[in-house]
N, C-alpha and C. Protein backbone atom coordinates (compact mmCIF):
# COMPACT_ATOMS: atom_id res chain seq x y z
N MET A 1 73.46 106.99 91.30
CA MET A 1 73.62 108.27 91.81
C MET A 1 72.54 108.97 91.01
N ASP A 2 71.64 109.87 91.75
CA ASP A 2 70.71 110.82 91.07
C ASP A 2 71.36 111.90 90.50
N THR A 3 70.55 112.64 90.00
CA THR A 3 70.53 113.99 89.26
C THR A 3 71.19 115.20 90.03
N SER A 4 70.59 115.05 91.31
CA SER A 4 70.98 116.24 92.25
C SER A 4 72.65 116.01 92.58
N ASP A 5 72.96 114.49 92.93
CA ASP A 5 74.42 114.22 93.28
C ASP A 5 75.07 114.55 92.25
N ILE A 6 74.84 114.35 90.97
CA ILE A 6 75.68 114.84 89.85
C ILE A 6 76.07 116.18 89.57
N THR A 7 74.78 116.97 89.95
CA THR A 7 74.97 118.37 90.05
C THR A 7 75.69 118.85 91.14
N LEU A 8 75.68 118.36 92.40
CA LEU A 8 76.74 118.79 93.19
C LEU A 8 78.02 118.39 93.02
N LEU A 9 78.40 117.08 92.37
CA LEU A 9 79.65 116.74 92.21
C LEU A 9 80.30 117.73 91.12
N ASN A 10 79.66 118.26 90.17
CA ASN A 10 80.05 118.84 89.17
C ASN A 10 80.37 120.45 89.74
N GLU A 11 79.62 120.82 90.53
CA GLU A 11 79.84 121.99 91.69
C GLU A 11 80.93 121.97 92.72
N GLY A 12 81.41 120.85 92.68
CA GLY A 12 82.30 120.74 94.13
C GLY A 12 81.95 120.70 95.31
N LYS A 13 80.54 120.52 95.58
CA LYS A 13 80.02 120.59 96.86
C LYS A 13 79.71 119.27 97.23
N MET A 14 79.92 117.99 96.59
CA MET A 14 80.22 116.71 97.04
C MET A 14 81.44 116.28 96.31
N LEU A 15 82.00 115.15 97.17
CA LEU A 15 83.24 114.46 96.45
C LEU A 15 83.11 112.99 96.93
N PRO A 16 83.81 112.09 96.11
CA PRO A 16 83.83 110.45 96.02
C PRO A 16 84.98 110.26 97.01
N VAL A 17 84.73 110.68 98.25
CA VAL A 17 85.88 110.43 99.36
C VAL A 17 86.00 108.85 99.61
N MET A 18 87.23 108.34 99.29
CA MET A 18 87.64 106.94 99.75
C MET A 18 87.90 106.55 101.18
N GLU A 19 88.48 107.76 101.47
CA GLU A 19 89.09 107.84 103.03
C GLU A 19 89.26 108.95 103.55
N ALA A 20 89.24 109.35 104.81
CA ALA A 20 89.70 110.40 105.36
C ALA A 20 90.29 110.04 106.91
N PHE A 21 91.50 110.41 107.29
CA PHE A 21 92.17 110.24 108.55
C PHE A 21 93.30 111.24 108.92
N TYR A 22 93.56 111.05 110.28
CA TYR A 22 94.32 112.01 110.81
C TYR A 22 95.59 111.38 111.18
N THR A 23 96.78 111.87 110.67
CA THR A 23 97.87 111.22 110.77
C THR A 23 98.97 112.22 110.73
N LEU A 24 100.25 111.62 110.46
CA LEU A 24 101.35 112.56 110.14
C LEU A 24 101.76 112.34 108.51
N GLN A 25 102.04 113.60 108.07
CA GLN A 25 102.71 113.42 106.76
C GLN A 25 104.02 112.86 106.54
N GLY A 26 103.94 111.56 105.56
CA GLY A 26 104.96 110.86 105.60
C GLY A 26 106.16 111.14 104.42
N GLU A 27 105.69 112.14 103.56
CA GLU A 27 106.67 112.55 102.33
C GLU A 27 107.08 113.85 102.03
N GLY A 28 108.12 114.13 101.38
CA GLY A 28 108.48 115.39 101.06
C GLY A 28 109.09 116.23 102.01
N PHE A 29 108.70 117.57 101.80
CA PHE A 29 109.14 118.80 102.75
C PHE A 29 108.46 118.66 103.78
N ASN A 30 107.10 118.44 104.00
CA ASN A 30 106.04 118.56 105.06
C ASN A 30 106.12 117.15 105.94
N THR A 31 106.98 116.46 105.90
CA THR A 31 107.12 115.15 106.47
C THR A 31 107.05 115.38 107.96
N GLY A 32 106.44 114.57 108.74
CA GLY A 32 106.47 114.51 109.95
C GLY A 32 105.34 115.53 110.66
N GLN A 33 104.66 116.50 109.93
CA GLN A 33 103.63 117.21 110.20
C GLN A 33 102.30 116.59 110.46
N ALA A 34 101.56 116.97 111.56
CA ALA A 34 100.15 116.41 111.30
C ALA A 34 99.35 116.69 110.57
N ALA A 35 98.26 116.13 109.92
CA ALA A 35 97.35 116.75 109.03
C ALA A 35 96.29 115.54 108.73
N CYS A 36 95.22 116.30 108.49
CA CYS A 36 94.13 115.32 108.25
C CYS A 36 94.04 114.89 106.46
N PHE A 37 94.18 113.80 105.95
CA PHE A 37 94.30 113.29 104.78
C PHE A 37 92.91 112.91 104.33
N VAL A 38 92.57 113.59 103.28
CA VAL A 38 91.39 113.14 102.53
C VAL A 38 91.60 112.77 101.03
N ARG A 39 91.42 111.23 100.80
CA ARG A 39 91.61 110.71 99.68
C ARG A 39 90.41 110.57 98.56
N ILE A 40 90.60 111.25 97.63
CA ILE A 40 89.22 111.29 96.64
C ILE A 40 89.51 110.35 95.77
N GLY A 41 88.45 109.51 95.36
CA GLY A 41 88.50 108.31 94.39
C GLY A 41 88.50 109.14 93.06
N GLY A 42 89.20 108.11 92.04
CA GLY A 42 89.13 108.43 90.77
C GLY A 42 90.56 108.77 90.36
N CYS A 43 91.07 108.42 88.97
CA CYS A 43 92.36 108.58 88.40
C CYS A 43 92.37 108.47 87.15
N ASP A 44 93.20 109.61 86.46
CA ASP A 44 93.21 109.32 84.91
C ASP A 44 94.65 109.00 84.54
N VAL A 45 95.51 108.42 85.46
CA VAL A 45 97.05 108.21 85.19
C VAL A 45 97.04 106.86 85.33
N GLY A 46 96.73 106.15 86.73
CA GLY A 46 96.98 104.69 86.66
C GLY A 46 98.40 103.99 86.60
N CYS A 47 99.13 104.59 87.58
CA CYS A 47 100.66 104.25 87.44
C CYS A 47 100.75 102.64 88.10
N TRP A 48 101.31 101.87 87.49
CA TRP A 48 101.57 100.54 87.89
C TRP A 48 101.99 100.17 89.20
N TRP A 49 102.80 101.28 89.65
CA TRP A 49 103.25 100.85 91.12
C TRP A 49 102.50 101.31 92.09
N CYS A 50 101.26 102.14 91.76
CA CYS A 50 100.39 102.93 92.70
C CYS A 50 100.20 102.12 93.91
N ASP A 51 100.42 102.56 95.24
CA ASP A 51 100.10 101.79 96.37
C ASP A 51 98.84 101.96 96.67
N VAL A 52 97.75 102.59 96.04
CA VAL A 52 96.35 102.70 96.36
C VAL A 52 95.68 102.63 95.19
N LYS A 53 95.78 101.54 94.56
CA LYS A 53 95.15 101.26 93.37
C LYS A 53 93.58 101.21 93.51
N GLU A 54 93.18 100.91 94.74
CA GLU A 54 91.72 100.81 95.01
C GLU A 54 91.21 102.08 95.01
N SER A 55 91.87 103.28 94.97
CA SER A 55 91.18 104.33 94.71
C SER A 55 90.87 104.78 93.30
N TRP A 56 91.19 104.12 92.33
CA TRP A 56 91.07 104.53 91.08
C TRP A 56 89.72 104.68 90.46
N ASN A 57 88.84 103.81 90.87
CA ASN A 57 87.18 103.69 90.41
C ASN A 57 86.59 104.43 91.46
N ALA A 58 86.05 105.63 90.96
CA ALA A 58 85.71 106.49 91.93
C ALA A 58 83.98 106.03 92.01
N SER A 59 83.46 105.33 91.35
CA SER A 59 82.11 104.90 91.48
C SER A 59 82.03 103.93 92.67
N LEU A 60 82.95 103.44 93.21
CA LEU A 60 83.11 102.89 94.16
C LEU A 60 82.55 103.58 95.48
N PHE A 61 82.90 104.81 95.46
CA PHE A 61 82.70 105.94 96.75
C PHE A 61 81.88 106.79 96.60
N PRO A 62 80.71 106.61 97.34
CA PRO A 62 79.36 107.45 97.50
C PRO A 62 79.95 108.75 97.64
N PRO A 63 79.36 109.62 96.94
CA PRO A 63 79.51 111.28 97.02
C PRO A 63 79.23 111.81 98.49
N THR A 64 80.05 112.32 98.99
CA THR A 64 80.13 112.70 100.38
C THR A 64 80.16 114.35 100.49
N PRO A 65 79.23 114.64 101.26
CA PRO A 65 78.92 116.55 101.15
C PRO A 65 80.22 117.17 101.75
N VAL A 66 80.76 118.02 100.98
CA VAL A 66 81.97 118.57 101.30
C VAL A 66 82.02 119.50 102.84
N ASP A 67 80.75 120.01 103.13
CA ASP A 67 80.61 120.75 104.41
C ASP A 67 81.03 119.61 105.47
N GLN A 68 80.35 118.33 105.12
CA GLN A 68 80.74 117.01 106.41
C GLN A 68 82.18 116.51 106.33
N ILE A 69 82.80 116.66 105.13
CA ILE A 69 84.40 116.50 105.24
C ILE A 69 85.18 117.57 106.17
N VAL A 70 84.45 118.84 105.80
CA VAL A 70 85.56 119.99 106.44
C VAL A 70 85.10 119.95 108.00
N ALA A 71 84.04 119.76 108.23
CA ALA A 71 83.67 119.63 109.78
C ALA A 71 84.50 118.33 110.41
N TYR A 72 84.77 117.21 109.70
CA TYR A 72 85.47 116.32 110.11
C TYR A 72 86.84 116.71 110.32
N ALA A 73 87.75 117.57 109.36
CA ALA A 73 88.92 117.79 109.40
C ALA A 73 89.07 118.97 110.38
N ALA A 74 88.22 119.59 110.81
CA ALA A 74 88.08 120.72 111.77
C ALA A 74 88.20 120.18 113.10
N SER A 75 87.73 118.93 113.19
CA SER A 75 87.66 118.32 114.80
C SER A 75 89.14 118.13 115.05
N PHE A 76 90.10 118.08 114.13
CA PHE A 76 91.28 117.79 114.77
C PHE A 76 92.19 118.87 115.09
N PRO A 77 93.29 118.65 116.09
CA PRO A 77 94.25 119.92 116.65
C PRO A 77 94.96 120.62 115.45
N ALA A 78 95.47 119.84 114.60
CA ALA A 78 96.15 120.52 113.34
C ALA A 78 95.41 120.97 111.99
N LYS A 79 95.36 121.93 112.03
CA LYS A 79 94.38 122.57 111.39
C LYS A 79 95.07 122.63 109.65
N ALA A 80 95.40 121.23 109.22
CA ALA A 80 95.88 121.10 107.95
C ALA A 80 94.99 119.98 107.13
N VAL A 81 94.68 120.17 105.94
CA VAL A 81 94.20 118.97 105.22
C VAL A 81 95.10 118.69 103.91
N VAL A 82 95.59 117.53 103.95
CA VAL A 82 96.25 117.03 102.55
C VAL A 82 95.08 116.28 101.56
N VAL A 83 94.84 117.10 100.42
CA VAL A 83 93.98 116.58 99.58
C VAL A 83 95.03 115.36 98.63
N THR A 84 94.38 114.28 98.59
CA THR A 84 95.21 113.28 97.88
C THR A 84 94.22 112.38 96.91
N GLY A 85 94.86 111.35 96.20
CA GLY A 85 94.06 110.20 95.51
C GLY A 85 94.64 109.00 95.41
N GLY A 86 94.33 108.38 94.24
CA GLY A 86 93.66 108.91 93.06
C GLY A 86 94.38 110.21 92.43
N GLU A 87 93.67 111.07 91.74
CA GLU A 87 93.94 112.36 91.35
C GLU A 87 93.01 113.27 91.42
N PRO A 88 93.10 114.22 92.81
CA PRO A 88 91.94 115.06 92.87
C PRO A 88 91.61 116.03 92.18
N LEU A 89 92.09 116.19 91.31
CA LEU A 89 91.92 117.28 90.34
C LEU A 89 90.91 116.94 89.18
N LEU A 90 90.66 115.75 89.34
CA LEU A 90 89.56 115.36 88.65
C LEU A 90 88.10 116.08 88.78
N TYR A 91 88.19 116.79 90.03
CA TYR A 91 86.89 117.32 90.54
C TYR A 91 87.21 119.03 90.80
N ASN A 92 86.10 119.73 90.58
CA ASN A 92 86.37 121.23 91.28
C ASN A 92 86.53 121.26 92.59
N LEU A 93 87.59 121.72 93.02
CA LEU A 93 88.04 121.81 94.42
C LEU A 93 87.83 123.35 95.08
N ASP A 94 87.35 124.36 94.34
CA ASP A 94 87.19 125.50 94.75
C ASP A 94 86.25 125.70 96.05
N TYR A 95 85.16 125.03 96.00
CA TYR A 95 84.29 125.05 97.17
C TYR A 95 84.92 124.33 98.22
N PHE A 96 85.49 123.13 97.91
CA PHE A 96 86.31 122.44 99.17
C PHE A 96 87.39 123.31 99.99
N CYS A 97 88.11 124.07 99.05
CA CYS A 97 89.05 124.80 99.58
C CYS A 97 88.51 126.27 100.24
N LYS A 98 87.82 126.60 99.66
CA LYS A 98 86.91 127.86 100.36
C LYS A 98 86.36 127.79 101.62
N LYS A 99 85.64 126.52 101.93
CA LYS A 99 85.11 126.17 103.13
C LYS A 99 86.29 125.68 103.95
N LEU A 100 87.38 124.97 103.63
CA LEU A 100 88.51 124.79 104.57
C LEU A 100 89.26 126.06 104.94
N LYS A 101 89.30 127.08 104.23
CA LYS A 101 89.84 128.28 104.55
C LYS A 101 89.20 129.23 105.63
N GLU A 102 87.90 129.04 105.35
CA GLU A 102 86.67 129.72 106.11
C GLU A 102 86.84 128.99 107.68
N SER A 103 87.36 127.73 107.54
CA SER A 103 87.63 127.34 108.96
C SER A 103 88.96 127.36 109.79
N GLY A 104 89.88 127.91 108.98
CA GLY A 104 91.10 128.26 109.36
C GLY A 104 92.06 127.14 109.08
N ILE A 105 91.79 126.33 108.11
CA ILE A 105 92.52 125.11 107.97
C ILE A 105 93.42 125.38 106.55
N ARG A 106 94.79 125.09 106.83
CA ARG A 106 95.65 125.25 105.72
C ARG A 106 95.52 124.21 104.82
N THR A 107 95.61 124.42 103.43
CA THR A 107 95.40 123.32 102.42
C THR A 107 96.74 122.88 101.46
N TYR A 108 96.75 121.41 101.37
CA TYR A 108 97.92 120.92 100.93
C TYR A 108 97.36 120.10 99.75
N LEU A 109 97.93 120.10 98.57
CA LEU A 109 97.43 119.15 97.44
C LEU A 109 98.80 118.34 96.89
N GLU A 110 98.27 116.98 96.53
CA GLU A 110 99.07 116.23 96.05
C GLU A 110 98.50 115.68 94.69
N THR A 111 99.16 116.04 93.81
CA THR A 111 98.73 115.93 92.35
C THR A 111 99.72 115.45 91.35
N SER A 112 99.31 114.91 90.27
CA SER A 112 100.24 114.71 89.12
C SER A 112 100.32 115.99 88.20
N GLY A 113 99.45 116.63 88.46
CA GLY A 113 99.37 117.99 87.66
C GLY A 113 98.60 117.70 86.12
N SER A 114 97.94 116.56 85.91
CA SER A 114 97.60 116.28 84.62
C SER A 114 96.39 117.10 84.39
N LEU A 115 95.65 117.69 85.22
CA LEU A 115 94.50 118.24 84.73
C LEU A 115 94.57 120.02 85.42
N ARG A 116 93.34 120.57 85.01
CA ARG A 116 93.18 121.91 85.35
C ARG A 116 93.30 122.03 86.54
N LEU A 117 94.16 123.24 87.23
CA LEU A 117 94.13 123.46 88.72
C LEU A 117 92.79 124.11 89.17
N SER A 118 92.31 123.72 90.28
CA SER A 118 91.29 124.48 90.98
C SER A 118 91.60 124.35 92.43
N GLY A 119 90.98 125.25 93.21
CA GLY A 119 91.08 125.33 94.48
C GLY A 119 92.04 126.15 94.73
N SER A 120 92.13 126.85 96.07
CA SER A 120 93.11 127.63 96.61
C SER A 120 94.06 127.01 97.59
N TRP A 121 95.33 126.79 97.27
CA TRP A 121 96.57 126.05 97.86
C TRP A 121 97.45 126.80 98.86
N ASP A 122 97.70 126.15 100.02
CA ASP A 122 98.74 126.75 100.58
C ASP A 122 99.97 125.94 100.25
N TRP A 123 99.83 124.74 99.60
CA TRP A 123 101.00 124.09 99.09
C TRP A 123 100.64 123.27 98.10
N ILE A 124 101.34 123.08 97.24
CA ILE A 124 101.29 122.12 96.03
C ILE A 124 102.41 121.09 95.82
N CYS A 125 102.14 120.06 96.07
CA CYS A 125 103.13 118.85 95.81
C CYS A 125 102.92 118.29 94.53
N LEU A 126 103.66 118.62 93.48
CA LEU A 126 103.51 117.83 92.20
C LEU A 126 104.52 116.80 91.91
N SER A 127 103.76 115.70 91.48
CA SER A 127 104.34 114.35 91.19
C SER A 127 103.99 113.94 89.78
N PRO A 128 104.80 114.40 88.93
CA PRO A 128 104.60 114.13 87.38
C PRO A 128 104.67 112.74 86.98
N LYS A 129 103.96 112.39 86.24
CA LYS A 129 103.88 110.87 85.64
C LYS A 129 104.12 110.98 84.19
N LYS A 130 105.26 110.24 83.54
CA LYS A 130 105.48 110.27 82.17
C LYS A 130 104.35 110.11 81.27
N ASP A 131 103.44 109.19 81.52
CA ASP A 131 102.19 108.91 80.58
C ASP A 131 101.28 109.97 80.23
N VAL A 132 101.14 110.68 81.41
CA VAL A 132 100.14 111.90 81.38
C VAL A 132 100.87 113.10 81.95
N PRO A 133 101.82 113.77 81.23
CA PRO A 133 102.62 114.92 81.70
C PRO A 133 101.75 115.92 82.47
N PRO A 134 102.46 116.61 83.45
CA PRO A 134 101.80 117.71 84.15
C PRO A 134 101.47 119.12 83.12
N LEU A 135 100.60 119.82 83.56
CA LEU A 135 100.20 121.06 82.52
C LEU A 135 101.14 122.09 82.90
N PRO A 136 101.71 122.88 82.26
CA PRO A 136 102.39 124.03 82.49
C PRO A 136 102.22 124.91 83.59
N GLU A 137 100.71 125.16 83.52
CA GLU A 137 100.37 126.22 84.65
C GLU A 137 100.67 125.60 85.99
N THR A 138 100.55 124.00 86.04
CA THR A 138 100.49 123.63 87.45
C THR A 138 102.10 123.49 87.85
N LEU A 139 102.91 123.01 86.81
CA LEU A 139 104.35 123.14 86.98
C LEU A 139 105.06 124.54 87.43
N LYS A 140 104.49 125.70 87.02
CA LYS A 140 104.64 126.93 87.44
C LYS A 140 104.29 127.06 88.93
N LYS A 141 103.03 126.54 89.29
CA LYS A 141 102.61 127.00 90.60
C LYS A 141 103.17 126.01 91.76
N ALA A 142 103.82 124.84 91.31
CA ALA A 142 104.48 123.79 92.44
C ALA A 142 105.21 124.63 93.22
N ASN A 143 104.75 124.09 94.69
CA ASN A 143 105.77 124.46 95.73
C ASN A 143 106.95 123.31 95.78
N GLU A 144 106.92 122.03 95.25
CA GLU A 144 107.55 121.06 95.51
C GLU A 144 107.32 120.18 94.26
N LEU A 145 108.28 119.73 93.93
CA LEU A 145 108.54 118.73 92.83
C LEU A 145 108.82 117.43 93.43
N LYS A 146 107.98 116.28 93.41
CA LYS A 146 108.55 114.89 93.80
C LYS A 146 108.41 113.92 92.86
N VAL A 147 109.48 113.44 92.32
CA VAL A 147 109.51 112.37 91.24
C VAL A 147 109.78 111.27 91.77
N ILE A 148 108.67 110.14 91.58
CA ILE A 148 109.19 108.91 91.70
C ILE A 148 110.12 108.05 90.86
N ILE A 149 111.01 107.59 91.78
CA ILE A 149 112.12 106.86 90.95
C ILE A 149 112.10 105.43 91.02
N HIS A 150 111.84 104.77 90.02
CA HIS A 150 111.59 103.20 90.14
C HIS A 150 112.99 102.58 89.63
N GLU A 151 113.33 103.17 88.48
CA GLU A 151 114.68 102.76 87.85
C GLU A 151 115.49 104.06 87.45
N PRO A 152 116.85 103.85 87.25
CA PRO A 152 117.80 104.93 86.93
C PRO A 152 117.36 105.74 85.70
N GLU A 153 116.70 105.29 84.73
CA GLU A 153 116.09 106.12 83.61
C GLU A 153 115.13 106.94 84.07
N ASP A 154 114.35 106.67 85.28
CA ASP A 154 113.54 107.75 85.76
C ASP A 154 114.16 109.16 86.20
N LEU A 155 115.28 109.39 86.26
CA LEU A 155 116.15 110.32 86.79
C LEU A 155 115.96 111.36 85.44
N ARG A 156 115.92 110.85 84.47
CA ARG A 156 115.98 111.75 83.04
C ARG A 156 114.54 112.59 83.36
N TRP A 157 113.51 111.58 83.47
CA TRP A 157 112.25 112.39 83.71
C TRP A 157 112.15 113.55 84.78
N ALA A 158 112.98 113.47 85.82
CA ALA A 158 113.13 114.21 87.02
C ALA A 158 113.83 115.44 86.27
N GLU A 159 114.92 115.19 85.58
CA GLU A 159 115.51 116.46 85.09
C GLU A 159 114.85 117.06 83.87
N THR A 160 113.90 116.54 83.28
CA THR A 160 113.05 116.96 82.46
C THR A 160 112.08 118.00 82.87
N ASN A 161 111.62 117.75 84.00
CA ASN A 161 110.80 118.76 84.68
C ASN A 161 111.37 119.80 85.70
N ARG A 162 112.57 119.57 85.83
CA ARG A 162 113.17 120.57 86.82
C ARG A 162 113.33 121.92 86.37
N PRO A 163 113.40 122.17 85.09
CA PRO A 163 113.69 123.61 84.42
C PRO A 163 112.37 124.19 84.36
N LEU A 164 111.40 123.19 84.35
CA LEU A 164 109.66 123.77 84.10
C LEU A 164 109.21 124.35 85.21
N VAL A 165 109.62 124.05 86.51
CA VAL A 165 108.96 124.64 87.89
C VAL A 165 109.77 126.08 88.05
N SER A 166 109.19 126.62 88.93
CA SER A 166 109.79 127.94 89.47
C SER A 166 111.23 127.69 90.32
N PRO A 167 112.19 128.81 90.21
CA PRO A 167 113.34 128.45 90.93
C PRO A 167 113.22 128.39 92.50
N GLU A 168 111.98 128.54 93.09
CA GLU A 168 111.77 128.42 94.38
C GLU A 168 111.13 127.09 94.76
N CYS A 169 110.72 126.13 93.84
CA CYS A 169 110.21 125.09 94.12
C CYS A 169 111.18 124.04 94.59
N LEU A 170 110.90 123.17 95.35
CA LEU A 170 111.83 122.50 96.06
C LEU A 170 111.96 120.97 95.26
N LEU A 171 112.98 120.43 95.24
CA LEU A 171 113.21 119.27 94.47
C LEU A 171 113.48 117.99 95.26
N TYR A 172 112.37 117.12 94.97
CA TYR A 172 112.78 115.73 95.74
C TYR A 172 112.57 114.47 94.64
N LEU A 173 113.60 113.59 95.19
CA LEU A 173 113.46 112.30 94.40
C LEU A 173 112.91 111.22 95.35
N GLN A 174 112.00 110.53 95.02
CA GLN A 174 111.34 109.42 96.06
C GLN A 174 111.70 108.10 95.28
N PRO A 175 112.12 107.23 96.13
CA PRO A 175 112.35 105.89 95.69
C PRO A 175 110.94 105.09 95.67
N GLU A 176 110.55 104.58 94.60
CA GLU A 176 109.25 103.69 94.48
C GLU A 176 109.54 102.59 95.49
N TRP A 177 108.48 102.22 96.31
CA TRP A 177 108.56 101.46 97.52
C TRP A 177 109.09 99.86 97.38
N SER A 178 108.63 99.55 95.81
CA SER A 178 108.93 98.04 95.97
C SER A 178 110.31 97.96 95.51
N SER A 179 110.90 99.04 94.87
CA SER A 179 112.26 99.02 94.42
C SER A 179 113.34 99.69 95.10
N ARG A 180 112.81 99.69 96.55
CA ARG A 180 113.56 100.88 97.29
C ARG A 180 115.11 100.34 97.55
N ARG A 181 115.23 99.26 97.93
CA ARG A 181 116.44 98.76 98.35
C ARG A 181 117.59 98.69 97.20
N GLN A 182 117.04 98.58 95.77
CA GLN A 182 117.86 98.79 94.73
C GLN A 182 118.08 100.27 94.18
N ILE A 183 116.99 101.06 94.46
CA ILE A 183 117.17 102.33 94.04
C ILE A 183 117.64 103.38 94.92
N ILE A 184 117.40 103.21 96.25
CA ILE A 184 117.91 104.37 97.07
C ILE A 184 119.45 104.46 97.15
N PRO A 185 120.29 103.60 96.87
CA PRO A 185 121.88 103.67 96.61
C PRO A 185 121.95 104.67 95.30
N VAL A 186 121.27 104.47 94.16
CA VAL A 186 121.51 105.16 92.91
C VAL A 186 121.04 106.70 93.21
N ILE A 187 119.82 106.91 93.97
CA ILE A 187 119.36 108.08 94.38
C ILE A 187 120.52 108.86 95.04
N ILE A 188 120.91 108.30 95.91
CA ILE A 188 121.93 108.78 97.01
C ILE A 188 122.95 109.39 96.05
N ASP A 189 123.79 108.58 95.36
CA ASP A 189 124.96 108.91 94.39
C ASP A 189 124.39 110.06 93.43
N TYR A 190 123.33 110.04 93.14
CA TYR A 190 122.80 111.05 91.96
C TYR A 190 122.91 112.64 92.76
N ILE A 191 122.15 112.53 93.97
CA ILE A 191 122.04 113.77 94.81
C ILE A 191 123.43 114.19 95.27
N LYS A 192 124.36 113.24 95.51
CA LYS A 192 125.61 113.58 95.66
C LYS A 192 126.41 114.62 94.57
N LYS A 193 126.04 113.95 93.15
CA LYS A 193 126.57 114.70 92.29
C LYS A 193 125.86 115.98 91.80
N TYR A 194 124.42 115.77 92.13
CA TYR A 194 123.53 117.06 91.60
C TYR A 194 122.95 117.49 92.99
N PRO A 195 123.64 118.33 93.87
CA PRO A 195 122.59 118.44 95.05
C PRO A 195 121.61 119.56 95.45
N VAL A 196 121.25 119.84 94.23
CA VAL A 196 119.89 120.67 93.92
C VAL A 196 118.72 119.80 94.55
N TRP A 197 118.78 118.52 94.14
CA TRP A 197 117.91 117.74 94.74
C TRP A 197 118.01 116.99 96.01
N LYS A 198 116.65 116.69 96.95
CA LYS A 198 116.96 116.01 98.14
C LYS A 198 116.11 114.60 98.02
N ILE A 199 116.41 113.79 98.87
CA ILE A 199 115.46 112.47 98.90
C ILE A 199 114.34 112.58 99.63
N SER A 200 113.45 112.11 99.28
CA SER A 200 111.92 111.98 100.02
C SER A 200 111.80 110.37 100.18
N LEU A 201 111.89 110.03 101.44
CA LEU A 201 111.24 108.84 101.62
C LEU A 201 109.81 108.82 102.22
N GLN A 202 109.17 107.48 101.91
CA GLN A 202 107.76 107.29 102.41
C GLN A 202 107.90 106.76 104.04
N SER A 203 108.05 108.00 104.64
CA SER A 203 108.40 107.50 106.30
C SER A 203 107.39 106.84 107.12
N HIS A 204 106.13 107.28 106.36
CA HIS A 204 104.93 106.69 107.07
C HIS A 204 104.94 105.14 107.00
N LYS A 205 105.45 104.69 106.00
CA LYS A 205 105.59 103.20 105.75
C LYS A 205 106.54 102.57 106.82
N TYR A 206 107.69 103.20 107.16
CA TYR A 206 108.74 102.91 108.02
C TYR A 206 107.87 102.84 109.44
N MET A 207 107.00 103.72 109.91
CA MET A 207 106.47 103.95 111.04
C MET A 207 105.28 103.25 111.10
N ASN A 208 104.84 102.52 109.95
CA ASN A 208 103.70 101.65 110.00
C ASN A 208 102.35 102.49 110.54
N ILE A 209 102.12 103.64 110.05
CA ILE A 209 101.06 104.59 110.09
C ILE A 209 100.22 104.81 108.51
N PRO A 210 99.23 105.36 108.63
CA PRO A 210 98.55 105.69 107.33
C PRO A 210 99.09 106.24 106.46
């Protein structure tokens, strides 16, 4: 990577995009809506159960001009972009969001909240991780709290974060895919006792779409 690319990365005018594709949102509140997904390489968390571990090493993905990414996203009927990773907040997303907004595209962020928030977002889905907890500012701005549940103990982590988000934030418990058969009944029973929560399923995996 040359010096000019590093400068553009720092300015947020290039991003190490692992992949971009048009599909339906599969999780959380916006399940079923069409959107262009932009997956950015690099992660500072590294969850063992992550289903996109190949996204962690940002050096594997050549920097892509943001204007090119925006043009790709604008080519689809649904004017919505979900920015995910990895952890997209490793990068300055101000310029990316500015260009998306100029193109009339709604912006959705999927983040662990472990790093400073950048960009202008119509929707922030916060999925907090125990090893690298979210920053208070992101907790307060989250529209949706989506906690991954692998074992019953993870429900405590969900409750730890619940009082830290705004009263308007939507609350979801999502079964970790590899343990879904064992943990879904646990989540169902928990939500019946504490109906402030809803369940989120990875519906894209059941539909066999990206």
